[in-house]
Amino acid sequence: MADSPQQYLDAAPEAGRPWLQEFWDHVAARAPRLEPVMFRQVPMYRFQDSYLKGYVMFTAAKGHFSAHAIDFDLVAAAQQDIPGAFGGKGSVSMKYANEAAKPALKEFVDTVLARHGFLDG
């Protein structure tokens, strides 16, 4: 059970750790006002007092990485636009081997941050 981002990172599958760190660093650079908070043992960048008002979050599973947001229209568009992307209603996922998708996934994150007024960097 993770109580901090570091604990989540330490418990993540080895293949997912560099992805997590890269995307956490991306959010830190692009939205320095945001700090991660733990939500169900996962670090989350929440935009207001409730996750229902917007967030971005990253998870590392055994075989894939996911970026999560409640902006379902942006999620659906990213799933369609990023080659090899898949996921549920609130996540854009990709296999770790799909390194080429990282720039487009970062654009998705930036779009979510911008929509909520947090794109600074």
N, C-alpha and C. Protein backbone atom coordinates (compact mmCIF):
# COMPACT_ATOMS: atom_id res chain seq x y z
N MET A 1 0.85 -1.18 0.00
CA MET A 1 0.00 0.00 0.00
C MET A 1 0.90 1.24 0.00
N ALA A 2 0.71 2.11 -0.97
CA ALA A 2 1.55 3.29 -1.13
C ALA A 2 0.95 4.48 -0.39
N ASP A 3 1.79 5.13 0.40
CA ASP A 3 1.39 6.34 1.11
C ASP A 3 2.06 7.58 0.56
N SER A 4 2.94 7.43 -0.44
CA SER A 4 3.65 8.56 -1.02
C SER A 4 3.99 8.24 -2.47
N PRO A 5 4.28 9.27 -3.25
CA PRO A 5 4.71 9.00 -4.63
C PRO A 5 5.92 8.07 -4.69
N GLN A 6 6.87 8.25 -3.79
CA GLN A 6 8.06 7.39 -3.80
C GLN A 6 7.69 5.93 -3.54
N GLN A 7 6.79 5.70 -2.62
CA GLN A 7 6.36 4.33 -2.35
C GLN A 7 5.65 3.75 -3.57
N TYR A 8 4.83 4.56 -4.24
CA TYR A 8 4.16 4.08 -5.46
C TYR A 8 5.21 3.72 -6.52
N LEU A 9 6.18 4.59 -6.69
CA LEU A 9 7.24 4.36 -7.67
C LEU A 9 8.00 3.08 -7.34
N ASP A 10 8.36 2.92 -6.08
CA ASP A 10 9.11 1.74 -5.67
C ASP A 10 8.34 0.44 -5.89
N ALA A 11 7.02 0.49 -5.75
CA ALA A 11 6.19 -0.71 -5.91
C ALA A 11 5.78 -0.96 -7.36
N ALA A 12 6.00 0.01 -8.24
CA ALA A 12 5.58 -0.11 -9.64
C ALA A 12 6.43 -1.15 -10.36
N PRO A 13 5.88 -1.74 -11.42
CA PRO A 13 6.69 -2.65 -12.23
C PRO A 13 7.92 -1.92 -12.76
N GLU A 14 9.02 -2.62 -12.85
CA GLU A 14 10.28 -1.99 -13.26
C GLU A 14 10.15 -1.25 -14.58
N ALA A 15 9.42 -1.83 -15.54
CA ALA A 15 9.26 -1.19 -16.84
C ALA A 15 8.49 0.13 -16.75
N GLY A 16 7.65 0.27 -15.73
CA GLY A 16 6.84 1.47 -15.60
C GLY A 16 7.50 2.61 -14.87
N ARG A 17 8.53 2.31 -14.09
CA ARG A 17 9.15 3.36 -13.27
C ARG A 17 9.70 4.53 -14.10
N PRO A 18 10.44 4.27 -15.18
CA PRO A 18 10.92 5.43 -15.96
C PRO A 18 9.76 6.24 -16.57
N TRP A 19 8.70 5.58 -16.96
CA TRP A 19 7.54 6.29 -17.50
C TRP A 19 6.91 7.18 -16.43
N LEU A 20 6.70 6.62 -15.26
CA LEU A 20 6.13 7.42 -14.17
C LEU A 20 6.98 8.64 -13.90
N GLN A 21 8.27 8.43 -13.72
CA GLN A 21 9.15 9.55 -13.39
C GLN A 21 9.15 10.60 -14.50
N GLU A 22 9.17 10.16 -15.74
CA GLU A 22 9.17 11.10 -16.87
C GLU A 22 7.89 11.93 -16.90
N PHE A 23 6.76 11.30 -16.67
CA PHE A 23 5.51 12.04 -16.73
C PHE A 23 5.29 12.90 -15.47
N TRP A 24 5.75 12.43 -14.33
CA TRP A 24 5.71 13.30 -13.14
C TRP A 24 6.58 14.52 -13.36
N ASP A 25 7.77 14.32 -13.93
CA ASP A 25 8.66 15.44 -14.22
C ASP A 25 8.03 16.39 -15.23
N HIS A 26 7.32 15.83 -16.19
CA HIS A 26 6.65 16.66 -17.20
C HIS A 26 5.62 17.57 -16.53
N VAL A 27 4.80 17.01 -15.65
CA VAL A 27 3.79 17.82 -14.96
C VAL A 27 4.48 18.86 -14.09
N ALA A 28 5.54 18.48 -13.40
CA ALA A 28 6.26 19.44 -12.55
C ALA A 28 6.80 20.61 -13.36
N ALA A 29 7.27 20.34 -14.58
CA ALA A 29 7.80 21.40 -15.45
C ALA A 29 6.71 22.24 -16.07
N ARG A 30 5.61 21.63 -16.44
CA ARG A 30 4.55 22.32 -17.15
C ARG A 30 3.52 22.97 -16.22
N ALA A 31 3.38 22.43 -15.02
CA ALA A 31 2.39 22.95 -14.07
C ALA A 31 3.01 22.97 -12.68
N PRO A 32 4.01 23.83 -12.46
CA PRO A 32 4.73 23.81 -11.19
C PRO A 32 3.87 24.14 -9.96
N ARG A 33 2.70 24.70 -10.17
CA ARG A 33 1.82 24.99 -9.03
C ARG A 33 1.16 23.73 -8.47
N LEU A 34 1.16 22.66 -9.23
CA LEU A 34 0.50 21.42 -8.80
C LEU A 34 1.46 20.54 -8.01
N GLU A 35 0.96 19.98 -6.95
CA GLU A 35 1.70 19.00 -6.15
C GLU A 35 0.88 17.72 -6.14
N PRO A 36 1.53 16.58 -6.20
CA PRO A 36 0.75 15.34 -6.17
C PRO A 36 0.15 15.10 -4.79
N VAL A 37 -1.06 14.57 -4.79
CA VAL A 37 -1.71 14.10 -3.57
C VAL A 37 -2.02 12.62 -3.78
N MET A 38 -2.05 11.86 -2.73
CA MET A 38 -2.33 10.44 -2.86
C MET A 38 -3.84 10.23 -2.94
N PHE A 39 -4.25 9.45 -3.92
CA PHE A 39 -5.66 9.11 -4.14
C PHE A 39 -5.73 7.61 -4.38
N ARG A 40 -6.29 6.90 -3.44
CA ARG A 40 -6.38 5.44 -3.55
C ARG A 40 -5.02 4.82 -3.82
N GLN A 41 -4.03 5.26 -3.08
CA GLN A 41 -2.65 4.79 -3.12
C GLN A 41 -1.92 5.12 -4.43
N VAL A 42 -2.42 6.10 -5.19
CA VAL A 42 -1.79 6.53 -6.43
C VAL A 42 -1.61 8.04 -6.39
N PRO A 43 -0.42 8.55 -6.77
CA PRO A 43 -0.24 10.00 -6.84
C PRO A 43 -1.15 10.62 -7.91
N MET A 44 -1.82 11.69 -7.56
CA MET A 44 -2.75 12.38 -8.45
C MET A 44 -2.46 13.87 -8.40
N TYR A 45 -2.59 14.52 -9.55
CA TYR A 45 -2.51 15.98 -9.62
C TYR A 45 -3.95 16.47 -9.75
N ARG A 46 -4.51 16.88 -8.64
CA ARG A 46 -5.91 17.30 -8.57
C ARG A 46 -5.96 18.81 -8.76
N PHE A 47 -6.90 19.28 -9.56
CA PHE A 47 -6.96 20.69 -9.91
C PHE A 47 -7.75 21.55 -8.93
N GLN A 48 -8.68 20.94 -8.21
CA GLN A 48 -9.46 21.68 -7.22
C GLN A 48 -9.63 20.81 -5.99
N ASP A 49 -10.64 21.07 -5.20
CA ASP A 49 -10.83 20.35 -3.94
C ASP A 49 -11.38 18.94 -4.12
N SER A 50 -11.82 18.58 -5.32
CA SER A 50 -12.35 17.25 -5.58
C SER A 50 -11.84 16.76 -6.92
N TYR A 51 -11.52 15.48 -7.00
CA TYR A 51 -11.07 14.92 -8.27
C TYR A 51 -12.16 15.02 -9.34
N LEU A 52 -13.41 15.14 -8.92
CA LEU A 52 -14.51 15.26 -9.88
C LEU A 52 -14.44 16.57 -10.66
N LYS A 53 -13.64 17.52 -10.18
CA LYS A 53 -13.49 18.81 -10.85
C LYS A 53 -12.26 18.83 -11.76
N GLY A 54 -11.57 17.72 -11.86
CA GLY A 54 -10.44 17.62 -12.78
C GLY A 54 -9.17 17.14 -12.13
N TYR A 55 -8.42 16.35 -12.87
CA TYR A 55 -7.15 15.80 -12.41
C TYR A 55 -6.41 15.18 -13.57
N VAL A 56 -5.15 14.90 -13.33
CA VAL A 56 -4.37 14.03 -14.19
C VAL A 56 -3.61 13.10 -13.25
N MET A 57 -3.51 11.83 -13.67
CA MET A 57 -2.89 10.82 -12.83
C MET A 57 -2.26 9.78 -13.75
N PHE A 58 -1.20 9.15 -13.28
CA PHE A 58 -0.48 8.16 -14.08
C PHE A 58 -0.36 6.87 -13.30
N THR A 59 -0.59 5.75 -14.00
CA THR A 59 -0.43 4.45 -13.37
C THR A 59 0.44 3.56 -14.24
N ALA A 60 1.13 2.66 -13.56
CA ALA A 60 2.01 1.70 -14.23
C ALA A 60 1.54 0.30 -13.90
N ALA A 61 1.08 -0.41 -14.90
CA ALA A 61 0.67 -1.80 -14.75
C ALA A 61 1.79 -2.70 -15.27
N LYS A 62 1.59 -3.98 -15.17
CA LYS A 62 2.64 -4.92 -15.59
C LYS A 62 3.06 -4.71 -17.04
N GLY A 63 2.09 -4.52 -17.92
CA GLY A 63 2.41 -4.43 -19.33
C GLY A 63 2.14 -3.11 -20.01
N HIS A 64 1.60 -2.13 -19.27
CA HIS A 64 1.28 -0.86 -19.91
C HIS A 64 1.28 0.29 -18.91
N PHE A 65 1.35 1.49 -19.48
CA PHE A 65 1.32 2.76 -18.75
C PHE A 65 0.02 3.47 -19.11
N SER A 66 -0.57 4.17 -18.15
CA SER A 66 -1.81 4.89 -18.41
C SER A 66 -1.75 6.31 -17.86
N ALA A 67 -2.33 7.22 -18.60
CA ALA A 67 -2.58 8.58 -18.15
C ALA A 67 -4.09 8.69 -17.97
N HIS A 68 -4.51 9.19 -16.81
CA HIS A 68 -5.93 9.25 -16.46
C HIS A 68 -6.38 10.69 -16.33
N ALA A 69 -7.61 10.95 -16.76
CA ALA A 69 -8.23 12.26 -16.58
C ALA A 69 -9.74 12.07 -16.61
N ILE A 70 -10.44 13.01 -16.01
CA ILE A 70 -11.89 12.96 -16.00
C ILE A 70 -12.48 13.68 -17.23
N ASP A 71 -11.61 14.25 -18.03
CA ASP A 71 -12.01 14.94 -19.26
C ASP A 71 -12.21 13.89 -20.36
N PHE A 72 -13.37 13.25 -20.32
CA PHE A 72 -13.60 12.08 -21.17
C PHE A 72 -13.52 12.39 -22.65
N ASP A 73 -13.88 13.60 -23.05
CA ASP A 73 -13.78 13.96 -24.46
C ASP A 73 -12.32 14.00 -24.91
N LEU A 74 -11.45 14.54 -24.06
CA LEU A 74 -10.02 14.59 -24.39
C LEU A 74 -9.41 13.20 -24.37
N VAL A 75 -9.85 12.36 -23.43
CA VAL A 75 -9.38 10.97 -23.36
C VAL A 75 -9.75 10.24 -24.64
N ALA A 76 -10.99 10.34 -25.06
CA ALA A 76 -11.44 9.65 -26.27
C ALA A 76 -10.68 10.13 -27.50
N ALA A 77 -10.45 11.42 -27.60
CA ALA A 77 -9.70 11.96 -28.73
C ALA A 77 -8.28 11.44 -28.73
N ALA A 78 -7.63 11.39 -27.58
CA ALA A 78 -6.26 10.90 -27.49
C ALA A 78 -6.19 9.42 -27.84
N GLN A 79 -7.16 8.65 -27.38
CA GLN A 79 -7.18 7.23 -27.72
C GLN A 79 -7.26 7.03 -29.23
N GLN A 80 -8.00 7.88 -29.91
CA GLN A 80 -8.14 7.78 -31.36
C GLN A 80 -6.91 8.31 -32.09
N ASP A 81 -6.29 9.36 -31.56
CA ASP A 81 -5.22 10.06 -32.26
C ASP A 81 -3.83 9.47 -32.03
N ILE A 82 -3.61 8.77 -30.93
CA ILE A 82 -2.28 8.25 -30.62
C ILE A 82 -2.19 6.80 -31.11
N PRO A 83 -1.31 6.53 -32.06
CA PRO A 83 -1.18 5.16 -32.56
C PRO A 83 -0.84 4.18 -31.43
N GLY A 84 -1.61 3.11 -31.37
CA GLY A 84 -1.38 2.07 -30.38
C GLY A 84 -2.02 2.33 -29.04
N ALA A 85 -2.69 3.47 -28.87
CA ALA A 85 -3.32 3.79 -27.58
C ALA A 85 -4.60 2.99 -27.41
N PHE A 86 -4.91 2.72 -26.17
CA PHE A 86 -6.15 2.04 -25.81
C PHE A 86 -6.52 2.51 -24.41
N GLY A 87 -7.62 2.00 -23.88
CA GLY A 87 -7.99 2.36 -22.51
C GLY A 87 -9.48 2.43 -22.33
N GLY A 88 -9.85 2.70 -21.10
CA GLY A 88 -11.25 2.83 -20.74
C GLY A 88 -11.71 4.27 -20.88
N LYS A 89 -12.85 4.56 -20.28
CA LYS A 89 -13.46 5.88 -20.41
C LYS A 89 -12.56 7.01 -19.91
N GLY A 90 -11.77 6.75 -18.88
CA GLY A 90 -10.97 7.81 -18.29
C GLY A 90 -9.47 7.63 -18.39
N SER A 91 -9.01 6.76 -19.31
CA SER A 91 -7.57 6.54 -19.39
C SER A 91 -7.09 6.34 -20.82
N VAL A 92 -5.89 6.83 -21.03
CA VAL A 92 -5.18 6.61 -22.30
C VAL A 92 -3.98 5.74 -21.94
N SER A 93 -3.97 4.53 -22.48
CA SER A 93 -2.95 3.56 -22.12
C SER A 93 -2.13 3.16 -23.33
N MET A 94 -0.89 2.72 -23.05
CA MET A 94 -0.05 2.19 -24.12
C MET A 94 0.95 1.22 -23.55
N LYS A 95 1.36 0.29 -24.38
CA LYS A 95 2.39 -0.67 -23.99
C LYS A 95 3.70 0.07 -23.82
N TYR A 96 4.55 -0.44 -22.95
CA TYR A 96 5.84 0.22 -22.68
C TYR A 96 6.71 0.30 -23.92
N ALA A 97 6.58 -0.64 -24.82
CA ALA A 97 7.39 -0.62 -26.04
C ALA A 97 7.04 0.54 -26.96
N ASN A 98 5.91 1.17 -26.75
CA ASN A 98 5.43 2.25 -27.60
C ASN A 98 6.04 3.60 -27.17
N GLU A 99 7.35 3.66 -27.16
CA GLU A 99 8.07 4.89 -26.78
C GLU A 99 7.71 6.07 -27.69
N ALA A 100 7.40 5.77 -28.95
CA ALA A 100 7.09 6.82 -29.92
C ALA A 100 5.82 7.59 -29.54
N ALA A 101 4.99 7.02 -28.69
CA ALA A 101 3.74 7.67 -28.31
C ALA A 101 3.92 8.70 -27.20
N LYS A 102 5.07 8.73 -26.57
CA LYS A 102 5.25 9.65 -25.44
C LYS A 102 4.99 11.12 -25.78
N PRO A 103 5.50 11.66 -26.88
CA PRO A 103 5.21 13.07 -27.16
C PRO A 103 3.71 13.36 -27.29
N ALA A 104 2.98 12.49 -27.95
CA ALA A 104 1.54 12.70 -28.10
C ALA A 104 0.83 12.55 -26.77
N LEU A 105 1.29 11.64 -25.94
CA LEU A 105 0.68 11.49 -24.62
C LEU A 105 0.95 12.73 -23.76
N LYS A 106 2.13 13.31 -23.90
CA LYS A 106 2.43 14.55 -23.17
C LYS A 106 1.56 15.69 -23.69
N GLU A 107 1.26 15.70 -24.98
CA GLU A 107 0.35 16.72 -25.52
C GLU A 107 -1.03 16.57 -24.90
N PHE A 108 -1.48 15.33 -24.75
CA PHE A 108 -2.76 15.07 -24.07
C PHE A 108 -2.74 15.65 -22.65
N VAL A 109 -1.68 15.37 -21.91
CA VAL A 109 -1.54 15.89 -20.55
C VAL A 109 -1.57 17.41 -20.56
N ASP A 110 -0.83 18.02 -21.48
CA ASP A 110 -0.80 19.48 -21.58
C ASP A 110 -2.19 20.04 -21.88
N THR A 111 -2.95 19.36 -22.73
CA THR A 111 -4.29 19.82 -23.08
C THR A 111 -5.20 19.78 -21.85
N VAL A 112 -5.08 18.72 -21.06
CA VAL A 112 -5.87 18.64 -19.83
C VAL A 112 -5.45 19.75 -18.87
N LEU A 113 -4.14 19.94 -18.69
CA LEU A 113 -3.66 21.01 -17.81
C LEU A 113 -4.15 22.37 -18.28
N ALA A 114 -4.08 22.62 -19.57
CA ALA A 114 -4.51 23.91 -20.12
C ALA A 114 -6.01 24.13 -19.90
N ARG A 115 -6.79 23.11 -20.11
CA ARG A 115 -8.25 23.24 -19.94
C ARG A 115 -8.58 23.71 -18.52
N HIS A 116 -7.79 23.29 -17.56
CA HIS A 116 -8.07 23.60 -16.16
C HIS A 116 -7.23 24.78 -15.64
N GLY A 117 -6.52 25.45 -16.53
CA GLY A 117 -5.79 26.65 -16.15
C GLY A 117 -4.48 26.41 -15.42
N PHE A 118 -3.86 25.25 -15.66
CA PHE A 118 -2.63 24.93 -14.95
C PHE A 118 -1.42 24.78 -15.85
N LEU A 119 -1.51 25.07 -17.12
CA LEU A 119 -0.36 24.93 -18.01
C LEU A 119 0.47 26.20 -17.90
N ASP A 120 1.63 26.09 -17.22
CA ASP A 120 2.48 27.25 -16.96
C ASP A 120 3.79 27.19 -17.72
N GLY A 121 4.37 26.03 -17.80
CA GLY A 121 5.72 25.90 -18.35
C GLY A 121 5.78 25.65 -19.81
